[in-house]
């Protein structure tokens, strides 16, 4: 599926997927996050590509069931992730099962696509990751890395990124500062990732604070906030980040309470510094524009990392 959050899945065996969305006047809205997308040919094509990937993952899971005993059970609350979430793909690939009660679970996850969650849930993976708003991510980033991402639009001079706080909204835009701040919006440094007419994002799924894989996304420079990518390449995190950066990423994940999730990381070309601009504790994927081989290799890597996280092989 495209890179947006989805809305309020029911528990195992309850409800229908179509209740997660509303369709109106050529647009699709994700109920839980409020993400609003144009229902065009590009979006439909990406959904079909995701479905083909899903069938391949199911095929691997079926082959695995014939050769291996049933895997561990995982319980999710308050929601159960749909198959287009990355953790469900990793579970299916690795032979994990959905637990039908907390009592029978080998591991328990906090799973909620909302930007702000409730009180911390002790004993649940991701249980402390209850705030993934853009301003909170920027504050934790500065605390860990020692240099700022957020800025004051009234005193900053030059271009900046203005975006909403909500998870999965994809509503960023470039503004010229100084400017008056708008309600419900935050302001951040415009990180220069340009190479010619294109910009590059480093989508980095992490498990237990450790980057598992890096998907380098290429987009047009004039459409940097789009959910669609021109191309995506898979990299080993050690080829992208220095040992010092990997250590800081681990510290950042710990400070966010993130046991499983995706980071959007930008490398500023003039300074060489990295900036973590977004955290998604309920990430979907793999990225559609990846090659089939890279999708499947990435899924296997994430399945093995999930096994290490919950303490099984």
C-alpha atoms as a PDB file:
ATOM      1  CA  UNK A   1       0.000   0.000   0.000  1.00  0.00           C
ATOM      2  CA  UNK A   2       1.130   3.623  -0.371  1.00  0.00           C
ATOM      3  CA  UNK A   3       2.887   5.224   2.538  1.00  0.00           C
ATOM      4  CA  UNK A   4      -0.050   6.322   4.680  1.00  0.00           C
ATOM      5  CA  UNK A   5      -1.421   5.191   8.004  1.00  0.00           C
ATOM      6  CA  UNK A   6      -4.645   3.264   8.159  1.00  0.00           C
ATOM      7  CA  UNK A   7      -7.662   3.499  10.375  1.00  0.00           C
ATOM      8  CA  UNK A   8      -8.742   1.554  13.405  1.00  0.00           C
ATOM      9  CA  UNK A   9      -8.472  -2.137  12.591  1.00  0.00           C
ATOM     10  CA  UNK A  10     -10.735  -4.430  14.559  1.00  0.00           C
ATOM     11  CA  UNK A  11      -9.630  -7.444  16.559  1.00  0.00           C
ATOM     12  CA  UNK A  12      -9.044 -10.736  14.794  1.00  0.00           C
ATOM     13  CA  UNK A  13     -12.088 -11.866  12.848  1.00  0.00           C
ATOM     14  CA  UNK A  14     -14.077  -8.650  13.410  1.00  0.00           C
ATOM     15  CA  UNK A  15     -15.190  -6.071  10.869  1.00  0.00           C
ATOM     16  CA  UNK A  16     -14.268  -5.452   7.263  1.00  0.00           C
ATOM     17  CA  UNK A  17     -11.292  -3.578   5.829  1.00  0.00           C
ATOM     18  CA  UNK A  18     -13.556  -1.220   3.896  1.00  0.00           C
ATOM     19  CA  UNK A  19     -14.661   0.347   7.185  1.00  0.00           C
ATOM     20  CA  UNK A  20     -11.137   1.728   7.621  1.00  0.00           C
ATOM     21  CA  UNK A  21     -11.677   4.270   4.825  1.00  0.00           C
ATOM     22  CA  UNK A  22     -14.230   6.679   3.442  1.00  0.00           C
ATOM     23  CA  UNK A  23     -14.541   7.312  -0.293  1.00  0.00           C
ATOM     24  CA  UNK A  24     -16.016  10.572  -1.500  1.00  0.00           C
ATOM     25  CA  UNK A  25     -15.758  12.660  -4.674  1.00  0.00           C
ATOM     26  CA  UNK A  26     -12.716  10.902  -6.057  1.00  0.00           C
ATOM     27  CA  UNK A  27     -10.782  10.913  -2.794  1.00  0.00           C
ATOM     28  CA  UNK A  28     -10.052   8.378  -0.084  1.00  0.00           C
ATOM     29  CA  UNK A  29      -9.706   9.374   3.559  1.00  0.00           C
ATOM     30  CA  UNK A  30      -8.109   7.264   6.271  1.00  0.00           C
ATOM     31  CA  UNK A  31     -10.508   7.477   9.194  1.00  0.00           C
ATOM     32  CA  UNK A  32      -8.082   7.234  12.069  1.00  0.00           C
ATOM     33  CA  UNK A  33      -5.298   9.521  10.862  1.00  0.00           C
ATOM     34  CA  UNK A  34      -7.331  11.862   8.691  1.00  0.00           C
ATOM     35  CA  UNK A  35      -4.963  11.387   5.736  1.00  0.00           C
ATOM     36  CA  UNK A  36      -6.740  12.507   2.571  1.00  0.00           C
ATOM     37  CA  UNK A  37      -5.558  11.174  -0.793  1.00  0.00           C
ATOM     38  CA  UNK A  38      -6.600  11.573  -4.405  1.00  0.00           C
ATOM     39  CA  UNK A  39      -8.012   8.306  -5.740  1.00  0.00           C
ATOM     40  CA  UNK A  40      -6.265   8.390  -9.108  1.00  0.00           C
ATOM     41  CA  UNK A  41      -4.585   5.896 -11.421  1.00  0.00           C
ATOM     42  CA  UNK A  42      -1.250   6.162  -9.611  1.00  0.00           C
ATOM     43  CA  UNK A  43      -2.794   5.285  -6.242  1.00  0.00           C
ATOM     44  CA  UNK A  44      -4.799   2.401  -7.724  1.00  0.00           C
ATOM     45  CA  UNK A  45      -1.691   1.022  -9.464  1.00  0.00           C
ATOM     46  CA  UNK A  46       0.271   1.150  -6.217  1.00  0.00           C
ATOM     47  CA  UNK A  47      -2.513  -0.697  -4.391  1.00  0.00           C
ATOM     48  CA  UNK A  48      -2.449  -3.423  -7.052  1.00  0.00           C
ATOM     49  CA  UNK A  49       1.336  -3.721  -6.727  1.00  0.00           C
ATOM     50  CA  UNK A  50       0.951  -4.073  -2.965  1.00  0.00           C
ATOM     51  CA  UNK A  51      -1.632  -6.837  -3.474  1.00  0.00           C
ATOM     52  CA  UNK A  52       0.768  -8.763  -5.720  1.00  0.00           C
ATOM     53  CA  UNK A  53       3.460  -8.432  -3.031  1.00  0.00           C
ATOM     54  CA  UNK A  54       0.978  -9.629  -0.402  1.00  0.00           C
ATOM     55  CA  UNK A  55       0.243 -12.758  -2.429  1.00  0.00           C
ATOM     56  CA  UNK A  56       3.971 -13.496  -2.646  1.00  0.00           C
ATOM     57  CA  UNK A  57       4.339 -13.141   1.129  1.00  0.00           C
ATOM     58  CA  UNK A  58       1.368 -15.464   1.658  1.00  0.00           C
ATOM     59  CA  UNK A  59       3.015 -18.013  -0.636  1.00  0.00           C
ATOM     60  CA  UNK A  60       6.203 -17.922   1.437  1.00  0.00           C
ATOM     61  CA  UNK A  61       4.133 -18.296   4.609  1.00  0.00           C
ATOM     62  CA  UNK A  62       2.305 -21.308   3.184  1.00  0.00           C
ATOM     63  CA  UNK A  63       5.586 -22.988   2.261  1.00  0.00           C
ATOM     64  CA  UNK A  64       6.932 -22.255   5.734  1.00  0.00           C
ATOM     65  CA  UNK A  65       3.932 -23.868   7.435  1.00  0.00           C
ATOM     66  CA  UNK A  66       4.685 -27.104   5.628  1.00  0.00           C
ATOM     67  CA  UNK A  67       8.283 -27.199   6.889  1.00  0.00           C
ATOM     68  CA  UNK A  68       8.232 -25.555  10.322  1.00  0.00           C
ATOM     69  CA  UNK A  69       6.112 -25.720  13.474  1.00  0.00           C
ATOM     70  CA  UNK A  70       3.730 -22.832  14.201  1.00  0.00           C
ATOM     71  CA  UNK A  71       5.463 -19.648  15.269  1.00  0.00           C
ATOM     72  CA  UNK A  72       4.918 -17.528  18.380  1.00  0.00           C
ATOM     73  CA  UNK A  73       1.707 -15.615  18.971  1.00  0.00           C
ATOM     74  CA  UNK A  74       1.632 -11.807  19.175  1.00  0.00           C
ATOM     75  CA  UNK A  75      -1.159  -9.784  20.754  1.00  0.00           C
ATOM     76  CA  UNK A  76      -1.868  -6.195  19.656  1.00  0.00           C
ATOM     77  CA  UNK A  77      -3.874  -3.552  21.477  1.00  0.00           C
ATOM     78  CA  UNK A  78      -5.928  -1.467  21.115  1.00  0.00           C
ATOM     79  CA  UNK A  79      -5.915  -2.341  17.371  1.00  0.00           C
ATOM     80  CA  UNK A  80      -4.834  -5.282  15.225  1.00  0.00           C
ATOM     81  CA  UNK A  81      -2.611  -4.312  12.254  1.00  0.00           C
ATOM     82  CA  UNK A  82      -4.029  -4.993   8.825  1.00  0.00           C
ATOM     83  CA  UNK A  83      -1.907  -6.920   6.298  1.00  0.00           C
ATOM     84  CA  UNK A  84      -0.571  -3.729   4.679  1.00  0.00           C
ATOM     85  CA  UNK A  85       1.283  -2.773   7.848  1.00  0.00           C
ATOM     86  CA  UNK A  86       4.933  -3.733   7.791  1.00  0.00           C
ATOM     87  CA  UNK A  87       4.782  -5.678  11.035  1.00  0.00           C
ATOM     88  CA  UNK A  88       2.038  -7.935   9.609  1.00  0.00           C
ATOM     89  CA  UNK A  89       4.151  -8.662   6.532  1.00  0.00           C
ATOM     90  CA  UNK A  90       7.100  -9.570   8.770  1.00  0.00           C
ATOM     91  CA  UNK A  91       4.852 -11.726  10.954  1.00  0.00           C
ATOM     92  CA  UNK A  92       3.372 -13.566   7.979  1.00  0.00           C
ATOM     93  CA  UNK A  93       6.797 -14.154   6.440  1.00  0.00           C
ATOM     94  CA  UNK A  94       8.270 -15.394   9.720  1.00  0.00           C
ATOM     95  CA  UNK A  95       5.388 -17.699  10.661  1.00  0.00           C
ATOM     96  CA  UNK A  96       4.168 -15.595  13.591  1.00  0.00           C
ATOM     97  CA  UNK A  97       0.508 -15.820  14.547  1.00  0.00           C
ATOM     98  CA  UNK A  98      -2.023 -13.345  15.881  1.00  0.00           C
ATOM     99  CA  UNK A  99      -2.893 -14.154  19.480  1.00  0.00           C
ATOM    100  CA  UNK A 100      -6.599 -14.163  20.321  1.00  0.00           C
ATOM    101  CA  UNK A 101      -6.057 -13.043  23.896  1.00  0.00           C
ATOM    102  CA  UNK A 102      -3.261 -11.425  25.915  1.00  0.00           C
ATOM    103  CA  UNK A 103      -3.014 -14.564  28.038  1.00  0.00           C
ATOM    104  CA  UNK A 104      -1.971 -16.820  25.150  1.00  0.00           C
ATOM    105  CA  UNK A 105       0.490 -14.316  23.644  1.00  0.00           C
ATOM    106  CA  UNK A 106       4.249 -14.797  23.538  1.00  0.00           C
ATOM    107  CA  UNK A 107       4.654 -11.037  23.017  1.00  0.00           C
ATOM    108  CA  UNK A 108       2.355  -8.022  23.290  1.00  0.00           C
ATOM    109  CA  UNK A 109       2.439  -4.849  21.200  1.00  0.00           C
ATOM    110  CA  UNK A 110       0.876  -1.444  21.605  1.00  0.00           C
ATOM    111  CA  UNK A 111      -0.557  -0.672  18.146  1.00  0.00           C
ATOM    112  CA  UNK A 112      -2.482   2.534  17.556  1.00  0.00           C
ATOM    113  CA  UNK A 113      -2.289   4.683  14.422  1.00  0.00           C
ATOM    114  CA  UNK A 114      -3.172   7.827  16.352  1.00  0.00           C
ATOM    115  CA  UNK A 115      -0.632  10.613  16.740  1.00  0.00           C
ATOM    116  CA  UNK A 116      -1.181  10.772  20.483  1.00  0.00           C
ATOM    117  CA  UNK A 117      -1.929   7.643  22.505  1.00  0.00           C
ATOM    118  CA  UNK A 118      -3.123   7.091  26.038  1.00  0.00           C
ATOM    119  CA  UNK A 119      -1.109   6.372  29.147  1.00  0.00           C
ATOM    120  CA  UNK A 120       2.091   4.290  28.853  1.00  0.00           C
ATOM    121  CA  UNK A 121       1.441   0.552  28.788  1.00  0.00           C
ATOM    122  CA  UNK A 122       4.068  -1.293  30.805  1.00  0.00           C
ATOM    123  CA  UNK A 123       5.093  -4.630  29.362  1.00  0.00           C
ATOM    124  CA  UNK A 124       3.965  -3.871  25.802  1.00  0.00           C
ATOM    125  CA  UNK A 125       6.431  -3.379  22.988  1.00  0.00           C
ATOM    126  CA  UNK A 126       6.081   0.230  21.784  1.00  0.00           C
ATOM    127  CA  UNK A 127       4.143   0.798  24.998  1.00  0.00           C
ATOM    128  CA  UNK A 128       6.066   3.983  25.779  1.00  0.00           C
ATOM    129  CA  UNK A 129       5.775   5.390  22.239  1.00  0.00           C
ATOM    130  CA  UNK A 130       2.625   7.441  22.746  1.00  0.00           C
ATOM    131  CA  UNK A 131       3.494  10.733  21.004  1.00  0.00           C
ATOM    132  CA  UNK A 132       4.718  10.826  17.397  1.00  0.00           C
ATOM    133  CA  UNK A 133       3.704  14.407  16.703  1.00  0.00           C
ATOM    134  CA  UNK A 134       6.168  16.339  14.577  1.00  0.00           C
ATOM    135  CA  UNK A 135       7.052  18.796  17.353  1.00  0.00           C
ATOM    136  CA  UNK A 136       7.737  15.987  19.849  1.00  0.00           C
ATOM    137  CA  UNK A 137       9.920  14.143  17.338  1.00  0.00           C
ATOM    138  CA  UNK A 138      11.894  17.345  16.735  1.00  0.00           C
ATOM    139  CA  UNK A 139      12.313  17.965  20.477  1.00  0.00           C
ATOM    140  CA  UNK A 140      13.577  14.434  21.141  1.00  0.00           C
ATOM    141  CA  UNK A 141      15.844  14.651  18.101  1.00  0.00           C
ATOM    142  CA  UNK A 142      17.509  17.843  19.382  1.00  0.00           C
ATOM    143  CA  UNK A 143      17.867  16.358  22.863  1.00  0.00           C
ATOM    144  CA  UNK A 144      19.680  13.274  21.508  1.00  0.00           C
ATOM    145  CA  UNK A 145      21.644  14.662  18.567  1.00  0.00           C
ATOM    146  CA  UNK A 146      22.542  18.034  20.077  1.00  0.00           C
ATOM    147  CA  UNK A 147      21.495  20.225  17.137  1.00  0.00           C
ATOM    148  CA  UNK A 148      18.029  21.532  16.258  1.00  0.00           C
ATOM    149  CA  UNK A 149      15.509  20.597  13.620  1.00  0.00           C
ATOM    150  CA  UNK A 150      12.721  22.881  14.819  1.00  0.00           C
ATOM    151  CA  UNK A 151      12.913  26.648  14.288  1.00  0.00           C
ATOM    152  CA  UNK A 152      11.016  29.817  15.138  1.00  0.00           C
ATOM    153  CA  UNK A 153       9.325  31.036  11.939  1.00  0.00           C
ATOM    154  CA  UNK A 154       9.129  34.586  13.301  1.00  0.00           C
ATOM    155  CA  UNK A 155      12.907  34.961  13.649  1.00  0.00           C
ATOM    156  CA  UNK A 156      14.223  32.530  11.003  1.00  0.00           C
ATOM    157  CA  UNK A 157      15.208  34.128   7.704  1.00  0.00           C
ATOM    158  CA  UNK A 158      14.870  32.006   4.575  1.00  0.00           C
ATOM    159  CA  UNK A 159      12.950  28.879   3.519  1.00  0.00           C
ATOM    160  CA  UNK A 160      11.533  26.472   6.093  1.00  0.00           C
ATOM    161  CA  UNK A 161       9.210  23.475   6.176  1.00  0.00           C
ATOM    162  CA  UNK A 162       5.733  24.002   7.587  1.00  0.00           C
ATOM    163  CA  UNK A 163       3.793  20.848   8.447  1.00  0.00           C
ATOM    164  CA  UNK A 164       0.959  19.647  10.622  1.00  0.00           C
ATOM    165  CA  UNK A 165       1.439  17.603  13.761  1.00  0.00           C
ATOM    166  CA  UNK A 166      -0.594  14.570  12.682  1.00  0.00           C
ATOM    167  CA  UNK A 167       0.775  11.164  11.777  1.00  0.00           C
ATOM    168  CA  UNK A 168       0.502  10.261   8.096  1.00  0.00           C
ATOM    169  CA  UNK A 169      -0.943  13.593   6.931  1.00  0.00           C
ATOM    170  CA  UNK A 170       1.704  14.333   4.252  1.00  0.00           C
ATOM    171  CA  UNK A 171       0.719  18.000   4.397  1.00  0.00           C
ATOM    172  CA  UNK A 172       4.132  19.677   4.445  1.00  0.00           C
ATOM    173  CA  UNK A 173       5.002  22.730   2.378  1.00  0.00           C
ATOM    174  CA  UNK A 174       7.935  25.097   1.997  1.00  0.00           C
ATOM    175  CA  UNK A 175       7.372  28.629   3.307  1.00  0.00           C
ATOM    176  CA  UNK A 176       9.522  31.745   3.401  1.00  0.00           C
ATOM    177  CA  UNK A 177      10.414  33.117   6.815  1.00  0.00           C
ATOM    178  CA  UNK A 178      10.018  35.244   8.785  1.00  0.00           C
ATOM    179  CA  UNK A 179       6.316  34.508   8.899  1.00  0.00           C
ATOM    180  CA  UNK A 180       3.590  34.287  11.516  1.00  0.00           C
ATOM    181  CA  UNK A 181       3.106  30.735  12.850  1.00  0.00           C
ATOM    182  CA  UNK A 182      -0.203  29.100  11.986  1.00  0.00           C
ATOM    183  CA  UNK A 183      -2.251  27.204  14.592  1.00  0.00           C
ATOM    184  CA  UNK A 184      -1.611  23.468  14.644  1.00  0.00           C
ATOM    185  CA  UNK A 185       1.475  23.758  12.456  1.00  0.00           C
ATOM    186  CA  UNK A 186       5.160  23.285  13.302  1.00  0.00           C
ATOM    187  CA  UNK A 187       8.217  24.698  11.555  1.00  0.00           C
ATOM    188  CA  UNK A 188      11.475  22.947  10.777  1.00  0.00           C
ATOM    189  CA  UNK A 189      14.738  23.365   8.942  1.00  0.00           C
ATOM    190  CA  UNK A 190      14.555  22.738   5.196  1.00  0.00           C
ATOM    191  CA  UNK A 191      17.126  19.950   4.958  1.00  0.00           C
ATOM    192  CA  UNK A 192      18.995  20.057   1.651  1.00  0.00           C
ATOM    193  CA  UNK A 193      18.967  16.533   0.203  1.00  0.00           C
ATOM    194  CA  UNK A 194      18.946  17.696  -3.422  1.00  0.00           C
ATOM    195  CA  UNK A 195      20.959  16.036  -6.130  1.00  0.00           C
ATOM    196  CA  UNK A 196      20.221  17.795  -9.383  1.00  0.00           C
ATOM    197  CA  UNK A 197      16.458  18.086  -9.791  1.00  0.00           C
ATOM    198  CA  UNK A 198      15.725  15.333  -7.266  1.00  0.00           C
ATOM    199  CA  UNK A 199      15.638  14.957  -3.489  1.00  0.00           C
ATOM    200  CA  UNK A 200      16.409  11.842  -1.444  1.00  0.00           C
ATOM    201  CA  UNK A 201      14.787  10.476   1.719  1.00  0.00           C
ATOM    202  CA  UNK A 202      16.188   7.665   3.844  1.00  0.00           C
ATOM    203  CA  UNK A 203      13.305   5.538   5.100  1.00  0.00           C
ATOM    204  CA  UNK A 204      14.800   3.457   7.900  1.00  0.00           C
ATOM    205  CA  UNK A 205      12.799   0.670   9.567  1.00  0.00           C
ATOM    206  CA  UNK A 206      14.168  -0.020  13.046  1.00  0.00           C
ATOM    207  CA  UNK A 207      13.631  -2.960  15.390  1.00  0.00           C
ATOM    208  CA  UNK A 208      14.824  -2.775  18.975  1.00  0.00           C
ATOM    209  CA  UNK A 209      16.484   0.544  18.171  1.00  0.00           C
ATOM    210  CA  UNK A 210      18.612  -1.000  15.425  1.00  0.00           C
ATOM    211  CA  UNK A 211      18.156   0.049  11.769  1.00  0.00           C
ATOM    212  CA  UNK A 212      17.403  -3.128   9.818  1.00  0.00           C
ATOM    213  CA  UNK A 213      17.398  -1.773   6.282  1.00  0.00           C
ATOM    214  CA  UNK A 214      17.465   1.600   4.530  1.00  0.00           C
ATOM    215  CA  UNK A 215      15.211   2.440   1.597  1.00  0.00           C
ATOM    216  CA  UNK A 216      16.608   5.428  -0.281  1.00  0.00           C
ATOM    217  CA  UNK A 217      13.656   7.170  -1.926  1.00  0.00           C
ATOM    218  CA  UNK A 218      14.051   9.484  -4.918  1.00  0.00           C
ATOM    219  CA  UNK A 219      11.445  12.172  -5.612  1.00  0.00           C
ATOM    220  CA  UNK A 220      11.133  15.268  -7.804  1.00  0.00           C
ATOM    221  CA  UNK A 221      12.509  18.325  -6.041  1.00  0.00           C
ATOM    222  CA  UNK A 222       9.255  20.214  -6.637  1.00  0.00           C
ATOM    223  CA  UNK A 223       7.145  17.461  -5.049  1.00  0.00           C
ATOM    224  CA  UNK A 224       9.130  16.451  -1.978  1.00  0.00           C
ATOM    225  CA  UNK A 225       6.095  15.824   0.240  1.00  0.00           C
ATOM    226  CA  UNK A 226       4.362  13.393  -2.123  1.00  0.00           C
ATOM    227  CA  UNK A 227       3.670   9.799  -1.029  1.00  0.00           C
ATOM    228  CA  UNK A 228       4.800   8.607  -4.473  1.00  0.00           C
ATOM    229  CA  UNK A 229       8.448   7.864  -5.305  1.00  0.00           C
ATOM    230  CA  UNK A 230      10.242   7.825  -8.637  1.00  0.00           C
ATOM    231  CA  UNK A 231      12.568   5.035  -7.498  1.00  0.00           C
ATOM    232  CA  UNK A 232      13.746   3.345  -4.300  1.00  0.00           C
ATOM    233  CA  UNK A 233      16.988   1.492  -3.557  1.00  0.00           C
ATOM    234  CA  UNK A 234      17.741  -0.875  -0.679  1.00  0.00           C
ATOM    235  CA  UNK A 235      20.909  -0.325   1.383  1.00  0.00           C
ATOM    236  CA  UNK A 236      22.630  -1.871   4.373  1.00  0.00           C
ATOM    237  CA  UNK A 237      22.343   0.672   7.220  1.00  0.00           C
ATOM    238  CA  UNK A 238      26.100   0.357   7.860  1.00  0.00           C
ATOM    239  CA  UNK A 239      26.734   1.638   4.354  1.00  0.00           C
ATOM    240  CA  UNK A 240      24.542   4.691   4.948  1.00  0.00           C
ATOM    241  CA  UNK A 241      25.181   5.679   8.564  1.00  0.00           C
ATOM    242  CA  UNK A 242      28.422   5.933  10.521  1.00  0.00           C
ATOM    243  CA  UNK A 243      28.867   3.962  13.772  1.00  0.00           C
ATOM    244  CA  UNK A 244      28.334   7.204  15.684  1.00  0.00           C
ATOM    245  CA  UNK A 245      25.095   7.900  13.806  1.00  0.00           C
ATOM    246  CA  UNK A 246      23.833   4.360  14.403  1.00  0.00           C
ATOM    247  CA  UNK A 247      24.487   4.799  18.126  1.00  0.00           C
ATOM    248  CA  UNK A 248      22.574   8.102  18.123  1.00  0.00           C
ATOM    249  CA  UNK A 249      19.669   6.518  16.229  1.00  0.00           C
ATOM    250  CA  UNK A 250      19.506   3.803  18.905  1.00  0.00           C
ATOM    251  CA  UNK A 251      19.467   6.459  21.637  1.00  0.00           C
ATOM    252  CA  UNK A 252      16.750   8.351  19.797  1.00  0.00           C
ATOM    253  CA  UNK A 253      14.565   5.239  19.515  1.00  0.00           C
ATOM    254  CA  UNK A 254      15.036   4.570  23.236  1.00  0.00           C
ATOM    255  CA  UNK A 255      14.067   8.152  24.089  1.00  0.00           C
ATOM    256  CA  UNK A 256      10.955   7.866  21.885  1.00  0.00           C
ATOM    257  CA  UNK A 257      10.039   4.467  23.386  1.00  0.00           C
ATOM    258  CA  UNK A 258      10.130   3.002  19.870  1.00  0.00           C
ATOM    259  CA  UNK A 259      10.707  -0.768  19.786  1.00  0.00           C
ATOM    260  CA  UNK A 260       9.387  -1.217  16.241  1.00  0.00           C
ATOM    261  CA  UNK A 261       8.823   1.511  13.672  1.00  0.00           C
ATOM    262  CA  UNK A 262      10.004   3.493  10.701  1.00  0.00           C
ATOM    263  CA  UNK A 263      12.131   6.622  10.753  1.00  0.00           C
ATOM    264  CA  UNK A 264      12.224   9.217   7.992  1.00  0.00           C
ATOM    265  CA  UNK A 265      15.804  10.471   7.946  1.00  0.00           C
ATOM    266  CA  UNK A 266      17.300  13.207   5.769  1.00  0.00           C
ATOM    267  CA  UNK A 267      21.004  13.817   5.213  1.00  0.00           C
ATOM    268  CA  UNK A 268      21.847  17.471   4.738  1.00  0.00           C
ATOM    269  CA  UNK A 269      24.350  17.593   1.873  1.00  0.00           C
ATOM    270  CA  UNK A 270      26.150  20.846   2.837  1.00  0.00           C
ATOM    271  CA  UNK A 271      26.804  19.784   6.453  1.00  0.00           C
ATOM    272  CA  UNK A 272      26.668  15.974   6.165  1.00  0.00           C
ATOM    273  CA  UNK A 273      24.419  15.836   9.229  1.00  0.00           C
ATOM    274  CA  UNK A 274      21.390  13.566   9.468  1.00  0.00           C
ATOM    275  CA  UNK A 275      17.975  14.738  10.670  1.00  0.00           C
ATOM    276  CA  UNK A 276      15.169  12.465  11.876  1.00  0.00           C
ATOM    277  CA  UNK A 277      12.075  14.287  10.692  1.00  0.00           C
ATOM    278  CA  UNK A 278       9.339  11.709  11.283  1.00  0.00           C
ATOM    279  CA  UNK A 279       8.597   8.611  13.380  1.00  0.00           C
ATOM    280  CA  UNK A 280       5.934   6.082  12.476  1.00  0.00           C
ATOM    281  CA  UNK A 281       5.212   3.382  15.050  1.00  0.00           C
ATOM    282  CA  UNK A 282       2.610   1.818  12.735  1.00  0.00           C
ATOM    283  CA  UNK A 283       4.511   1.917   9.437  1.00  0.00           C
ATOM    284  CA  UNK A 284       3.199   0.368   6.236  1.00  0.00           C
ATOM    285  CA  UNK A 285       5.349  -1.150   3.540  1.00  0.00           C
ATOM    286  CA  UNK A 286       7.669  -2.129   2.070  1.00  0.00           C
ATOM    287  CA  UNK A 287       7.881   0.962  -0.136  1.00  0.00           C
ATOM    288  CA  UNK A 288       6.003   0.251  -3.361  1.00  0.00           C
ATOM    289  CA  UNK A 289       8.751   1.471  -5.719  1.00  0.00           C
ATOM    290  CA  UNK A 290      11.268  -1.087  -4.411  1.00  0.00           C
ATOM    291  CA  UNK A 291      12.152  -3.900  -6.793  1.00  0.00           C
ATOM    292  CA  UNK A 292      10.437  -7.231  -6.121  1.00  0.00           C
ATOM    293  CA  UNK A 293      13.736  -8.744  -4.991  1.00  0.00           C
ATOM    294  CA  UNK A 294      14.408  -5.889  -2.564  1.00  0.00           C
ATOM    295  CA  UNK A 295      10.865  -6.097  -1.186  1.00  0.00           C
ATOM    296  CA  UNK A 296      11.244  -9.777  -0.386  1.00  0.00           C
ATOM    297  CA  UNK A 297      14.784  -9.498   0.985  1.00  0.00           C
ATOM    298  CA  UNK A 298      13.687  -6.594   3.205  1.00  0.00           C
ATOM    299  CA  UNK A 299      10.675  -8.536   4.476  1.00  0.00           C
ATOM    300  CA  UNK A 300      12.859 -11.503   5.422  1.00  0.00           C
ATOM    301  CA  UNK A 301      15.308  -9.221   7.242  1.00  0.00           C
ATOM    302  CA  UNK A 302      12.480  -7.602   9.203  1.00  0.00           C
ATOM    303  CA  UNK A 303      10.956 -10.995  10.070  1.00  0.00           C
ATOM    304  CA  UNK A 304      14.264 -12.157  11.538  1.00  0.00           C
ATOM    305  CA  UNK A 305      14.651  -8.887  13.455  1.00  0.00           C
ATOM    306  CA  UNK A 306      11.116  -9.292  14.836  1.00  0.00           C
ATOM    307  CA  UNK A 307      12.069 -12.771  16.024  1.00  0.00           C
ATOM    308  CA  UNK A 308      15.061 -11.348  17.887  1.00  0.00           C
ATOM    309  CA  UNK A 309      12.884  -8.633  19.400  1.00  0.00           C
ATOM    310  CA  UNK A 310      10.371 -11.071  20.868  1.00  0.00           C
ATOM    311  CA  UNK A 311      13.071 -13.528  21.920  1.00  0.00           C
ATOM    312  CA  UNK A 312      12.639 -16.368  19.421  1.00  0.00           C
ATOM    313  CA  UNK A 313      14.642 -17.696  16.481  1.00  0.00           C
END
